[in-house]
Amino acid sequence: MSEIAEAVQAIPPVNVPPPNGDGITVEADGSGGARQFVIFLVDDEMFAVPLSQVQEIIRMPALVSVPLSPTALEGLANLRGAVLPVIRLRHVFGMGNIEHDDATRVVVLDQGRPVGLVVDRVANVVTVGADRIEDSAAIQGTVDTELLTGMIKGDDGRSMVMILDAAKVVAREFKAIGSAQKHPLGETKNGDDETLGLKRVESSDESQLVSFEVAGQEYALAIERVQEIVQIPEQITEVPNMPPHVLGVMTLRNRLLPLVSLREMFGLPSQDMTEANKIVVVSLNDSSSGTGASVGVVMDSVKEVLRVARSVIDPMPPLLARSGNLGEVESICRLQQGKRLVSILCADKMFNQSDIRQVTAVASEEADAMPDEETRLGVTDDEEQFVAFRLLNEEYGVPIDSVQEIVRVPEELTKVPKTPDFIEGVVNLRGVVLPVVDQRRRFGLPSMDRNDRQRIMVYTIRGVRTGFIVDSVSEVMRIAASAIGPAPALSEEQQRLIRRVANLEAQKRMILLLDVDQLLDVKELADVGKATS
């Protein structure tokens, strides 16, 4: 390292402070005909990039891994609301990987849109005269000179710093799509960012239900009454003089949502809330005003999205319907030849709407007295609705209209010989053979053992009904259109499948949005079709 230190010292530095750990913004001073460079180290090699290309230098941020992307991609990061692709320079130059430490930095460059280069250490910012810069052909070493534009000579005549051609680095790593677009990181044209998925068409002899569990009993609501499913917030604001089942209100995207406990409503023992608890946001028909209202219902857990034949749904027996809390149950769904009974709730009978209006009114008065704009009512942005799920450590989303149902993974799937490795097998779903794809395997991710949190998400892809196994289903959520942007185009397959990214900066979440119609290509669809024949 002493030779490297001497080499850096041999190049006169400009008076710019080194990285302070919180990230620095660098600006050229435009002095004379000299050029300015940021000097950094990767392994034992020194590189430079023109200061004019550098937006800032930051610490290693939290990253989201992107499947089907080039191996040099470290991941995507949130850079003050922008999605930042981060490239591992050690991989680009065939150097061994090391653990990131306090010296690791990301040099953020302007390449049509921001792109980050992971470096081992930033050394200096220097001003160099034209006579100190030589052509890259003179470089002798192990580094690919095609990715360099030249070198900076030290005063000693021996040391040198290689000038990196960042545009070529990006273009080569993403060469599959680099020539197809104006910017290799994928800037979309107007009209490309269309809403994904088709409107759901419910068959006249089928119903779709969202099922959930409370105290070991399974209940369900008609899917058209379920606006979304969200996590329990960190804070619930209590409202005085309300019935015990009214927990209070929460803020959900600039509006106040009353919260009720189904356990309390049904007179069941209370229990502490955990990560398994979910809030089902239910829409109500407000008969007094003719407008719709919403209420959040706290459930022990959400189980599945079911598509069931109307023939297996029976009305509640009149004698039971008149007794106690069973008035909220409007029908019974018989599944698995009657071994599994699901009580279907009537949303409008569950709640005293005057209580709900009173909760909202009291909370609104308190919110209006607060200066915080985010607590005021009214949605100010267009929204899209997605089902969020997890694979490995990352979150993905698909448009809710693309999801036909979500079911548990059975204990055994029937294997089909001579099918691709990613096809896990087939299952009998209400008399129909459903091919099942292992989503992890399809994305080239490590496999995992079966567990109770896994689910099969069922889509119809160009006429072929297919299930995909995911690690878990997180929630049904609405995302503001302003938080959704085009995904960086990193490879042809990734660009086709992951077109958009939801960057939820306040929640420190980045959700990769999938195009369901592209989950399988033409050949893969044919293979899936053979599995059911």
Protein backbone atom coordinates (compact mmCIF):
# COMPACT_ATOMS: atom_id res chain seq x y z
CA MET A 1 0.00 0.00 0.00
CA SER A 2 2.99 2.36 0.41
CA GLU A 3 3.48 2.57 -3.38
CA ILE A 4 -0.18 3.48 -3.83
CA ALA A 5 0.10 6.17 -1.18
CA GLU A 6 3.18 7.59 -2.89
CA ALA A 7 1.43 7.56 -6.26
CA VAL A 8 -1.51 9.52 -4.90
CA GLN A 9 0.81 12.02 -3.25
CA ALA A 10 2.65 12.44 -6.54
CA ILE A 11 -0.47 13.96 -8.10
CA PRO A 12 -1.15 17.45 -6.74
CA PRO A 13 -4.53 17.39 -4.94
CA VAL A 14 -7.23 20.01 -5.26
CA ASN A 15 -8.59 21.36 -1.97
CA VAL A 16 -11.74 19.19 -1.65
CA PRO A 17 -12.54 17.50 1.69
CA PRO A 18 -12.48 13.67 1.77
CA PRO A 19 -15.72 11.67 2.26
CA ASN A 20 -17.16 12.36 5.70
CA GLY A 21 -19.21 9.16 5.98
CA ASP A 22 -22.52 10.90 5.29
CA GLY A 23 -21.82 11.28 1.57
CA ILE A 24 -20.30 14.28 -0.19
CA THR A 25 -21.35 16.18 -3.27
CA VAL A 26 -18.46 17.07 -5.57
CA GLU A 27 -18.39 20.01 -7.96
CA ALA A 28 -15.82 21.09 -10.55
CA ASP A 29 -14.31 24.52 -10.12
CA GLY A 30 -13.71 24.99 -13.85
CA SER A 31 -10.15 26.23 -13.37
CA GLY A 32 -8.05 26.76 -16.53
CA GLY A 33 -7.53 24.01 -19.06
CA ALA A 34 -6.67 21.39 -16.43
CA ARG A 35 -8.99 18.47 -15.78
CA GLN A 36 -10.23 17.31 -12.41
CA PHE A 37 -10.61 13.67 -11.36
CA VAL A 38 -11.86 11.65 -8.39
CA ILE A 39 -9.24 9.03 -7.45
CA PHE A 40 -10.30 5.73 -5.85
CA LEU A 41 -8.90 2.27 -5.15
CA VAL A 42 -10.21 -1.15 -6.19
CA ASP A 43 -8.05 -3.96 -4.83
CA ASP A 44 -4.47 -2.68 -5.31
CA GLU A 45 -5.27 -0.66 -8.43
CA MET A 46 -5.93 3.08 -8.62
CA PHE A 47 -8.61 4.48 -10.91
CA ALA A 48 -9.93 7.92 -11.75
CA VAL A 49 -13.19 9.26 -13.16
CA PRO A 50 -13.72 12.84 -14.38
CA LEU A 51 -15.09 15.02 -11.60
CA SER A 52 -17.69 16.39 -14.03
CA GLN A 53 -19.33 12.92 -14.17
CA VAL A 54 -19.48 12.47 -10.38
CA GLN A 55 -22.71 13.48 -8.69
CA GLU A 56 -21.74 12.46 -5.18
CA ILE A 57 -19.90 9.87 -3.08
CA ILE A 58 -21.89 7.93 -0.47
CA ARG A 59 -21.47 5.12 2.01
CA MET A 60 -22.64 1.65 1.03
CA PRO A 61 -26.47 1.90 1.10
CA ALA A 62 -29.07 -0.79 1.76
CA LEU A 63 -29.57 -2.74 -1.47
CA VAL A 64 -32.37 -4.70 -3.11
CA SER A 65 -31.21 -7.69 -5.17
CA VAL A 66 -32.72 -8.02 -8.65
CA PRO A 67 -33.16 -11.51 -10.13
CA LEU A 68 -32.13 -12.23 -13.72
CA SER A 69 -29.74 -9.27 -13.71
CA PRO A 70 -26.01 -9.21 -14.64
CA THR A 71 -23.74 -10.65 -11.94
CA ALA A 72 -21.85 -7.35 -11.64
CA LEU A 73 -24.99 -5.67 -10.31
CA GLU A 74 -24.72 -5.37 -6.54
CA GLY A 75 -28.36 -4.29 -6.34
CA LEU A 76 -30.71 -1.29 -6.40
CA ALA A 77 -30.58 1.46 -3.79
CA ASN A 78 -32.81 4.38 -2.89
CA LEU A 79 -31.05 7.67 -3.55
CA ARG A 80 -33.39 10.34 -2.19
CA GLY A 81 -36.35 8.94 -4.09
CA ALA A 82 -34.43 7.83 -7.19
CA VAL A 83 -33.66 4.19 -7.96
CA LEU A 84 -29.88 3.76 -8.14
CA PRO A 85 -28.29 0.70 -9.81
CA VAL A 86 -25.05 -0.16 -8.00
CA ILE A 87 -22.27 -2.00 -9.89
CA ARG A 88 -19.52 -4.04 -8.21
CA LEU A 89 -16.28 -2.87 -9.85
CA ARG A 90 -14.33 -5.79 -8.39
CA HIS A 91 -16.49 -8.12 -10.48
CA VAL A 92 -16.09 -5.99 -13.60
CA PHE A 93 -12.31 -6.33 -13.39
CA GLY A 94 -12.27 -9.97 -12.27
CA MET A 95 -10.99 -9.20 -8.78
CA GLY A 96 -11.97 -11.29 -5.76
CA ASN A 97 -14.88 -10.10 -3.64
CA ILE A 98 -14.28 -8.79 -0.12
CA GLU A 99 -16.59 -7.79 2.72
CA HIS A 100 -17.61 -4.15 2.65
CA ASP A 101 -16.18 -2.07 5.50
CA ASP A 102 -16.19 1.53 6.73
CA ALA A 103 -13.91 2.56 3.87
CA THR A 104 -16.22 1.20 1.13
CA ARG A 105 -17.88 3.90 -0.91
CA VAL A 106 -20.26 4.19 -3.84
CA VAL A 107 -19.23 6.75 -6.46
CA VAL A 108 -22.46 8.01 -8.05
CA LEU A 109 -22.03 8.96 -11.70
CA ASP A 110 -24.29 10.65 -14.21
CA GLN A 111 -24.82 8.19 -17.07
CA GLY A 112 -28.08 9.58 -18.41
CA ARG A 113 -29.47 8.58 -15.04
CA PRO A 114 -27.54 7.92 -11.81
CA VAL A 115 -25.44 4.76 -11.54
CA GLY A 116 -23.20 3.81 -8.61
CA LEU A 117 -19.78 2.12 -8.67
CA VAL A 118 -18.68 0.27 -5.53
CA VAL A 119 -15.03 1.08 -4.72
CA ASP A 120 -12.81 -0.05 -1.86
CA ARG A 121 -11.74 3.45 -0.87
CA VAL A 122 -11.86 7.02 -2.19
CA ALA A 123 -8.38 8.58 -2.07
CA ASN A 124 -8.50 12.13 -3.39
CA VAL A 125 -9.79 14.72 -5.84
CA VAL A 126 -7.04 16.10 -8.08
CA THR A 127 -6.42 18.67 -10.80
CA VAL A 128 -4.26 17.38 -13.66
CA GLY A 129 -2.69 19.17 -16.61
CA ALA A 130 -3.13 17.75 -20.11
CA ASP A 131 0.57 16.90 -20.32
CA ARG A 132 0.16 14.40 -17.45
CA ILE A 133 -2.45 12.28 -19.29
CA GLU A 134 -1.42 9.50 -21.67
CA ASP A 135 -3.35 7.17 -23.96
CA SER A 136 -4.59 3.87 -22.47
CA ALA A 137 -2.55 1.88 -25.02
CA ALA A 138 0.54 2.61 -22.92
CA ILE A 139 -0.88 0.81 -19.89
CA GLN A 140 0.74 -2.47 -18.95
CA GLY A 141 -1.23 -4.58 -16.46
CA THR A 142 -4.06 -6.96 -15.80
CA VAL A 143 -6.90 -4.45 -16.20
CA ASP A 144 -8.96 -4.54 -19.41
CA THR A 145 -7.77 -1.44 -21.26
CA GLU A 146 -11.00 -1.31 -23.31
CA LEU A 147 -12.66 0.10 -20.20
CA LEU A 148 -10.10 2.90 -19.87
CA THR A 149 -9.66 6.23 -21.65
CA GLY A 150 -6.12 6.90 -20.53
CA MET A 151 -3.82 7.20 -17.52
CA ILE A 152 -2.50 9.94 -15.26
CA LYS A 153 1.27 9.88 -14.72
CA GLY A 154 2.78 10.66 -11.35
CA ASP A 155 5.69 13.04 -10.83
CA ASP A 156 8.00 10.07 -10.26
CA GLY A 157 7.40 8.85 -13.83
CA ARG A 158 6.59 5.33 -12.59
CA SER A 159 3.26 5.52 -10.78
CA MET A 160 0.01 5.88 -12.68
CA VAL A 161 -3.73 6.18 -12.17
CA MET A 162 -6.04 4.57 -14.75
CA ILE A 163 -8.88 6.75 -16.06
CA LEU A 164 -12.06 4.71 -16.14
CA ASP A 165 -14.53 4.97 -19.02
CA ALA A 166 -17.70 4.62 -16.92
CA ALA A 167 -19.99 4.66 -19.96
CA LYS A 168 -18.21 1.62 -21.40
CA VAL A 169 -18.39 -0.19 -18.05
CA VAL A 170 -22.15 0.30 -17.91
CA ALA A 171 -22.65 -0.52 -21.61
CA ARG A 172 -20.60 -3.73 -21.40
CA GLU A 173 -22.22 -5.05 -18.25
CA PHE A 174 -25.66 -4.35 -19.70
CA LYS A 175 -24.71 -4.92 -23.34
CA ALA A 176 -27.78 -7.08 -24.02
CA ILE A 177 -29.98 -4.01 -24.05
CA GLY A 178 -27.48 -1.16 -24.27
CA SER A 179 -27.87 -0.69 -28.00
CA ALA A 180 -31.65 -0.87 -27.93
CA GLN A 181 -32.25 2.24 -25.86
CA LYS A 182 -31.03 5.78 -25.59
CA HIS A 183 -29.59 5.06 -22.16
CA PRO A 184 -28.39 1.54 -21.26
CA LEU A 185 -30.06 1.82 -17.88
CA GLY A 186 -33.46 2.04 -19.52
CA GLU A 187 -35.26 5.35 -19.74
CA THR A 188 -38.84 4.69 -20.80
CA LYS A 189 -40.72 6.66 -23.40
CA ASN A 190 -44.05 8.33 -22.79
CA GLY A 191 -46.78 5.75 -22.84
CA ASP A 192 -44.50 2.80 -22.00
CA ASP A 193 -45.41 2.87 -18.32
CA GLU A 194 -48.90 1.52 -18.79
CA THR A 195 -50.95 -0.08 -16.07
CA LEU A 196 -50.23 -3.80 -15.92
CA GLY A 197 -52.83 -6.55 -15.79
CA LEU A 198 -56.38 -6.89 -17.06
CA LYS A 199 -59.60 -6.16 -15.26
CA ARG A 200 -60.74 -9.18 -13.40
CA VAL A 201 -63.81 -10.86 -14.84
CA GLU A 202 -65.63 -13.00 -12.34
CA SER A 203 -67.49 -15.99 -13.67
CA SER A 204 -71.23 -15.98 -13.04
CA ASP A 205 -71.00 -19.31 -11.20
CA GLU A 206 -67.98 -18.43 -9.07
CA SER A 207 -67.24 -16.12 -6.16
CA GLN A 208 -63.92 -14.75 -4.95
CA LEU A 209 -63.29 -14.52 -1.24
CA VAL A 210 -60.51 -13.34 1.06
CA SER A 211 -60.26 -15.75 3.98
CA PHE A 212 -58.70 -15.03 7.36
CA GLU A 213 -58.49 -16.56 10.82
CA VAL A 214 -59.71 -15.34 14.19
CA ALA A 215 -59.28 -17.54 17.29
CA GLY A 216 -58.81 -20.66 15.19
CA GLN A 217 -61.98 -20.13 13.14
CA GLU A 218 -61.88 -19.33 9.42
CA TYR A 219 -63.95 -16.43 8.08
CA ALA A 220 -64.11 -14.71 4.70
CA LEU A 221 -65.29 -11.54 2.98
CA ALA A 222 -66.25 -11.04 -0.65
CA ILE A 223 -63.17 -9.79 -2.47
CA GLU A 224 -65.00 -6.77 -3.89
CA ARG A 225 -65.42 -5.52 -0.30
CA VAL A 226 -61.69 -5.84 0.50
CA GLN A 227 -59.82 -2.72 -0.56
CA GLU A 228 -56.42 -3.84 0.70
CA ILE A 229 -54.58 -5.71 3.45
CA VAL A 230 -51.94 -3.80 5.44
CA GLN A 231 -49.59 -4.33 8.36
CA ILE A 232 -50.39 -3.26 11.93
CA PRO A 233 -49.04 0.32 12.32
CA GLU A 234 -46.58 1.28 15.02
CA GLN A 235 -49.12 3.67 16.49
CA ILE A 236 -52.92 3.51 16.78
CA THR A 237 -54.63 6.68 18.02
CA GLU A 238 -57.33 5.90 20.57
CA VAL A 239 -60.67 7.69 20.39
CA PRO A 240 -62.52 8.27 23.71
CA ASN A 241 -66.03 7.06 24.52
CA MET A 242 -66.11 4.36 21.84
CA PRO A 243 -67.31 0.72 22.16
CA PRO A 244 -64.59 -1.77 23.25
CA HIS A 245 -64.22 -3.27 19.78
CA VAL A 246 -63.20 0.13 18.33
CA LEU A 247 -59.42 0.25 18.71
CA GLY A 248 -59.01 3.79 17.35
CA VAL A 249 -57.77 5.24 14.07
CA MET A 250 -54.64 5.06 11.95
CA THR A 251 -53.37 7.21 9.08
CA LEU A 252 -53.42 5.37 5.76
CA ARG A 253 -52.15 7.45 2.83
CA ASN A 254 -53.39 10.84 4.00
CA ARG A 255 -56.74 9.63 5.31
CA LEU A 256 -57.96 8.43 8.70
CA LEU A 257 -59.04 4.81 8.91
CA PRO A 258 -61.13 3.58 11.88
CA LEU A 259 -59.85 0.27 13.31
CA VAL A 260 -61.95 -2.44 14.95
CA SER A 261 -61.04 -5.79 16.48
CA LEU A 262 -62.96 -8.79 15.21
CA ARG A 263 -62.03 -10.66 18.38
CA GLU A 264 -63.72 -7.98 20.51
CA MET A 265 -66.72 -7.85 18.18
CA PHE A 266 -67.26 -11.59 18.56
CA GLY A 267 -66.60 -11.58 22.31
CA LEU A 268 -63.45 -13.70 21.99
CA PRO A 269 -60.47 -13.51 24.39
CA SER A 270 -58.06 -10.70 23.55
CA GLN A 271 -54.42 -11.36 22.72
CA ASP A 272 -51.30 -9.32 22.06
CA MET A 273 -50.72 -8.35 18.44
CA THR A 274 -47.85 -9.88 16.49
CA GLU A 275 -46.46 -9.68 12.94
CA ALA A 276 -49.03 -12.29 11.93
CA ASN A 277 -51.90 -9.88 12.62
CA LYS A 278 -53.16 -8.01 9.57
CA ILE A 279 -55.61 -5.20 8.94
CA VAL A 280 -58.22 -5.94 6.28
CA VAL A 281 -59.53 -2.63 4.89
CA VAL A 282 -63.24 -3.18 4.21
CA SER A 283 -65.48 -0.91 2.13
CA LEU A 284 -68.98 -0.20 3.45
CA ASN A 285 -72.11 1.09 1.78
CA ASP A 286 -73.17 4.14 3.77
CA SER A 287 -76.93 4.11 3.30
CA SER A 288 -77.40 7.49 4.98
CA SER A 289 -75.23 9.39 2.51
CA GLY A 290 -75.09 7.05 -0.44
CA THR A 291 -71.28 7.17 -0.33
CA GLY A 292 -68.77 4.51 0.57
CA ALA A 293 -66.86 4.41 3.86
CA SER A 294 -63.95 2.23 4.92
CA VAL A 295 -62.98 0.49 8.13
CA GLY A 296 -59.91 -1.53 9.07
CA VAL A 297 -60.62 -4.91 10.69
CA VAL A 298 -57.82 -6.49 12.72
CA MET A 299 -57.54 -10.23 12.02
CA ASP A 300 -55.29 -12.84 13.64
CA SER A 301 -53.93 -13.72 10.19
CA VAL A 302 -54.93 -13.63 6.53
CA LYS A 303 -55.03 -17.08 4.91
CA GLU A 304 -55.95 -17.19 1.23
CA VAL A 305 -57.70 -15.63 -1.72
CA LEU A 306 -60.27 -18.22 -2.78
CA ARG A 307 -62.18 -18.72 -6.01
CA VAL A 308 -65.11 -21.01 -5.19
CA ALA A 309 -68.15 -22.28 -7.03
CA ARG A 310 -71.41 -20.67 -5.89
CA SER A 311 -72.84 -24.16 -5.54
CA VAL A 312 -70.72 -24.76 -2.42
CA ILE A 313 -71.99 -21.58 -0.72
CA ASP A 314 -75.11 -22.09 1.40
CA PRO A 315 -77.15 -19.38 3.13
CA MET A 316 -76.93 -19.25 6.91
CA PRO A 317 -79.68 -21.39 8.48
CA PRO A 318 -82.43 -18.99 9.68
CA LEU A 319 -82.35 -20.31 13.24
CA LEU A 320 -78.61 -19.62 13.58
CA ALA A 321 -78.80 -16.32 11.72
CA ARG A 322 -81.10 -14.92 14.44
CA SER A 323 -78.83 -15.92 17.34
CA GLY A 324 -76.19 -13.72 18.92
CA ASN A 325 -73.19 -12.62 16.90
CA LEU A 326 -74.01 -15.00 14.08
CA GLY A 327 -76.10 -12.26 12.49
CA GLU A 328 -72.92 -10.99 10.84
CA VAL A 329 -72.46 -14.34 9.05
CA GLU A 330 -74.51 -14.37 5.88
CA SER A 331 -73.46 -17.73 4.40
CA ILE A 332 -71.27 -20.81 4.81
CA CYS A 333 -68.77 -22.03 2.23
CA ARG A 334 -68.19 -25.82 2.13
CA LEU A 335 -64.70 -26.79 1.00
CA GLN A 336 -62.90 -30.14 0.83
CA GLN A 337 -66.17 -32.10 0.68
CA GLY A 338 -67.51 -30.27 3.72
CA LYS A 339 -64.48 -30.91 5.94
CA ARG A 340 -63.53 -27.24 5.83
CA LEU A 341 -66.25 -24.70 6.58
CA VAL A 342 -65.66 -20.99 6.03
CA SER A 343 -68.08 -18.43 7.50
CA ILE A 344 -68.71 -15.62 5.00
CA LEU A 345 -69.31 -12.29 6.74
CA CYS A 346 -71.66 -9.53 5.64
CA ALA A 347 -69.65 -6.30 5.78
CA ASP A 348 -72.67 -4.02 6.12
CA LYS A 349 -74.13 -6.02 9.04
CA MET A 350 -70.85 -6.14 10.96
CA PHE A 351 -70.62 -2.48 11.86
CA ASN A 352 -72.77 0.22 13.35
CA GLN A 353 -72.08 2.84 10.71
CA SER A 354 -73.02 5.71 12.99
CA ASP A 355 -70.20 4.57 15.32
CA ILE A 356 -67.79 4.44 12.39
CA ARG A 357 -68.78 7.94 11.27
CA GLN A 358 -68.43 9.20 14.83
CA VAL A 359 -64.93 7.72 15.17
CA THR A 360 -63.84 9.37 11.93
CA ALA A 361 -65.44 12.69 12.84
CA VAL A 362 -63.78 12.88 16.27
CA ALA A 363 -60.41 11.90 14.84
CA SER A 364 -60.80 14.40 11.98
CA GLU A 365 -61.38 17.22 14.44
CA GLU A 366 -58.17 16.30 16.22
CA ALA A 367 -56.28 16.02 12.92
CA ASP A 368 -57.51 19.41 11.70
CA ALA A 369 -56.06 20.97 14.85
CA MET A 370 -52.62 19.51 14.08
CA PRO A 371 -50.12 21.32 11.81
CA ASP A 372 -48.87 18.11 10.21
CA GLU A 373 -50.23 18.08 6.66
CA GLU A 374 -49.87 14.31 6.38
CA THR A 375 -52.60 13.77 8.97
CA ARG A 376 -55.24 15.63 6.97
CA LEU A 377 -57.86 13.76 5.04
CA GLY A 378 -58.05 13.39 1.29
CA VAL A 379 -56.13 11.31 -1.20
CA THR A 380 -54.07 13.59 -3.44
CA ASP A 381 -52.46 11.06 -5.75
CA ASP A 382 -53.57 8.38 -8.17
CA GLU A 383 -52.98 4.88 -6.84
CA GLU A 384 -52.55 1.33 -8.08
CA GLN A 385 -53.33 -1.81 -6.10
CA PHE A 386 -50.84 -4.67 -5.77
CA VAL A 387 -50.41 -7.97 -3.96
CA ALA A 388 -46.97 -7.91 -2.32
CA PHE A 389 -45.03 -11.10 -1.66
CA ARG A 390 -41.54 -12.15 -0.60
CA LEU A 391 -38.84 -14.24 -2.22
CA LEU A 392 -35.63 -14.68 -0.27
CA ASN A 393 -35.08 -11.24 1.31
CA GLU A 394 -36.80 -9.10 -1.32
CA GLU A 395 -40.33 -7.86 -1.90
CA TYR A 396 -42.18 -8.18 -5.19
CA GLY A 397 -45.58 -6.99 -6.30
CA VAL A 398 -48.14 -7.95 -8.93
CA PRO A 399 -51.28 -6.02 -9.92
CA ILE A 400 -54.21 -7.33 -7.90
CA ASP A 401 -56.28 -7.76 -11.07
CA SER A 402 -53.74 -10.34 -12.25
CA VAL A 403 -54.20 -12.58 -9.19
CA GLN A 404 -56.99 -15.12 -9.50
CA GLU A 405 -56.48 -16.65 -6.08
CA ILE A 406 -53.90 -17.42 -3.42
CA VAL A 407 -53.89 -20.89 -1.83
CA ARG A 408 -51.77 -22.88 0.56
CA VAL A 409 -49.08 -25.20 -0.75
CA PRO A 410 -50.31 -28.81 -0.36
CA GLU A 411 -48.19 -31.35 1.51
CA GLU A 412 -47.45 -33.15 -1.74
CA LEU A 413 -47.37 -32.11 -5.38
CA THR A 414 -47.55 -34.65 -8.16
CA LYS A 415 -44.29 -34.65 -10.10
CA VAL A 416 -44.50 -34.70 -13.88
CA PRO A 417 -41.63 -36.44 -15.72
CA LYS A 418 -39.71 -34.73 -18.54
CA THR A 419 -40.69 -31.23 -17.51
CA PRO A 420 -38.31 -28.30 -16.85
CA ASP A 421 -36.67 -28.10 -13.44
CA PHE A 422 -38.64 -24.99 -12.40
CA ILE A 423 -41.98 -26.84 -12.69
CA GLU A 424 -42.52 -28.23 -9.19
CA GLY A 425 -45.47 -30.41 -10.19
CA VAL A 426 -49.24 -30.26 -10.45
CA VAL A 427 -52.09 -30.05 -7.92
CA ASN A 428 -55.80 -30.73 -8.12
CA LEU A 429 -57.52 -27.41 -7.50
CA ARG A 430 -61.27 -28.01 -7.33
CA GLY A 431 -61.18 -30.67 -10.01
CA VAL A 432 -58.79 -28.78 -12.31
CA VAL A 433 -55.16 -29.78 -12.76
CA LEU A 434 -53.00 -26.76 -11.93
CA PRO A 435 -49.30 -26.70 -12.92
CA VAL A 436 -47.14 -25.20 -10.17
CA VAL A 437 -43.88 -23.31 -10.76
CA ASP A 438 -41.26 -22.77 -8.06
CA GLN A 439 -40.77 -18.99 -8.29
CA ARG A 440 -37.39 -19.18 -6.55
CA ARG A 441 -36.09 -21.70 -9.05
CA ARG A 442 -37.51 -19.69 -11.95
CA PHE A 443 -35.49 -16.68 -10.74
CA GLY A 444 -32.34 -18.71 -10.11
CA LEU A 445 -32.55 -18.20 -6.32
CA PRO A 446 -31.56 -20.78 -3.66
CA SER A 447 -34.30 -23.29 -2.87
CA MET A 448 -35.92 -23.55 0.56
CA ASP A 449 -37.75 -26.22 2.57
CA ARG A 450 -41.55 -26.20 2.56
CA ASN A 451 -43.18 -24.25 5.42
CA ASP A 452 -46.59 -22.94 6.49
CA ARG A 453 -45.93 -19.39 5.27
CA GLN A 454 -45.50 -20.36 1.63
CA ARG A 455 -48.39 -19.76 -0.75
CA ILE A 456 -49.33 -20.53 -4.36
CA MET A 457 -50.33 -17.42 -6.31
CA VAL A 458 -52.54 -18.37 -9.26
CA TYR A 459 -52.44 -16.37 -12.50
CA THR A 460 -53.73 -16.92 -16.03
CA ILE A 461 -50.82 -16.27 -18.40
CA ARG A 462 -51.93 -15.99 -22.01
CA GLY A 463 -54.71 -18.49 -21.40
CA VAL A 464 -52.67 -20.95 -19.29
CA ARG A 465 -53.72 -21.09 -15.63
CA THR A 466 -50.53 -21.46 -13.56
CA GLY A 467 -49.57 -21.37 -9.89
CA PHE A 468 -46.32 -19.88 -8.55
CA ILE A 469 -44.90 -20.78 -5.14
CA VAL A 470 -43.71 -17.74 -3.16
CA ASP A 471 -42.11 -17.55 0.29
CA SER A 472 -45.01 -15.60 1.78
CA VAL A 473 -47.72 -13.11 0.82
CA SER A 474 -47.10 -9.83 2.67
CA GLU A 475 -50.13 -7.68 2.02
CA VAL A 476 -52.52 -6.17 -0.47
CA MET A 477 -51.52 -2.54 -0.81
CA ARG A 478 -52.27 0.64 -2.69
CA ILE A 479 -49.24 2.49 -4.03
CA ALA A 480 -49.26 6.10 -5.16
CA ALA A 481 -48.48 6.52 -8.84
CA SER A 482 -45.82 9.09 -7.93
CA ALA A 483 -43.88 6.35 -6.07
CA ILE A 484 -43.78 4.07 -9.14
CA GLY A 485 -41.13 4.50 -11.78
CA PRO A 486 -39.48 2.50 -14.55
CA ALA A 487 -37.05 -0.18 -13.41
CA PRO A 488 -33.47 0.19 -14.66
CA ALA A 489 -33.03 -2.03 -17.71
CA LEU A 490 -30.28 -4.41 -16.61
CA SER A 491 -30.82 -7.42 -18.88
CA GLU A 492 -33.28 -8.41 -21.58
CA GLU A 493 -35.10 -10.92 -19.39
CA GLN A 494 -35.19 -8.64 -16.36
CA GLN A 495 -36.40 -5.72 -18.48
CA ARG A 496 -39.21 -7.84 -19.90
CA LEU A 497 -40.30 -9.17 -16.49
CA ILE A 498 -39.57 -6.33 -14.03
CA ARG A 499 -40.68 -3.18 -15.79
CA ARG A 500 -41.36 -0.96 -12.79
CA VAL A 501 -40.20 -0.34 -9.24
CA ALA A 502 -42.19 1.08 -6.31
CA ASN A 503 -39.81 3.19 -4.23
CA LEU A 504 -41.51 3.74 -0.86
CA GLU A 505 -38.95 6.08 0.61
CA ALA A 506 -40.76 6.84 3.88
CA GLN A 507 -41.13 3.12 4.62
CA LYS A 508 -37.58 2.33 3.47
CA ARG A 509 -39.02 -0.26 1.08
CA MET A 510 -38.39 -0.94 -2.58
CA ILE A 511 -40.83 -3.32 -4.31
CA LEU A 512 -40.03 -4.88 -7.67
CA LEU A 513 -43.23 -4.90 -9.76
CA LEU A 514 -43.64 -7.90 -12.06
CA ASP A 515 -45.43 -8.15 -15.39
CA VAL A 516 -47.40 -11.36 -14.84
CA ASP A 517 -47.81 -12.00 -18.57
CA GLN A 518 -44.01 -12.23 -18.86
CA LEU A 519 -43.42 -14.70 -16.00
CA LEU A 520 -43.12 -17.46 -18.60
CA ASP A 521 -41.96 -17.18 -22.19
CA VAL A 522 -43.59 -18.97 -25.13
CA LYS A 523 -41.54 -22.16 -24.78
CA GLU A 524 -41.98 -22.27 -21.00
CA LEU A 525 -45.74 -21.82 -21.41
CA ALA A 526 -45.77 -24.77 -23.80
CA ASP A 527 -43.86 -26.86 -21.22
CA VAL A 528 -46.33 -25.86 -18.51
CA GLY A 529 -49.24 -26.77 -20.78
CA LYS A 530 -47.74 -30.23 -21.36
CA ALA A 531 -47.62 -30.80 -17.61
CA THR A 532 -51.44 -30.78 -17.47
CA SER A 533 -52.06 -32.88 -20.58
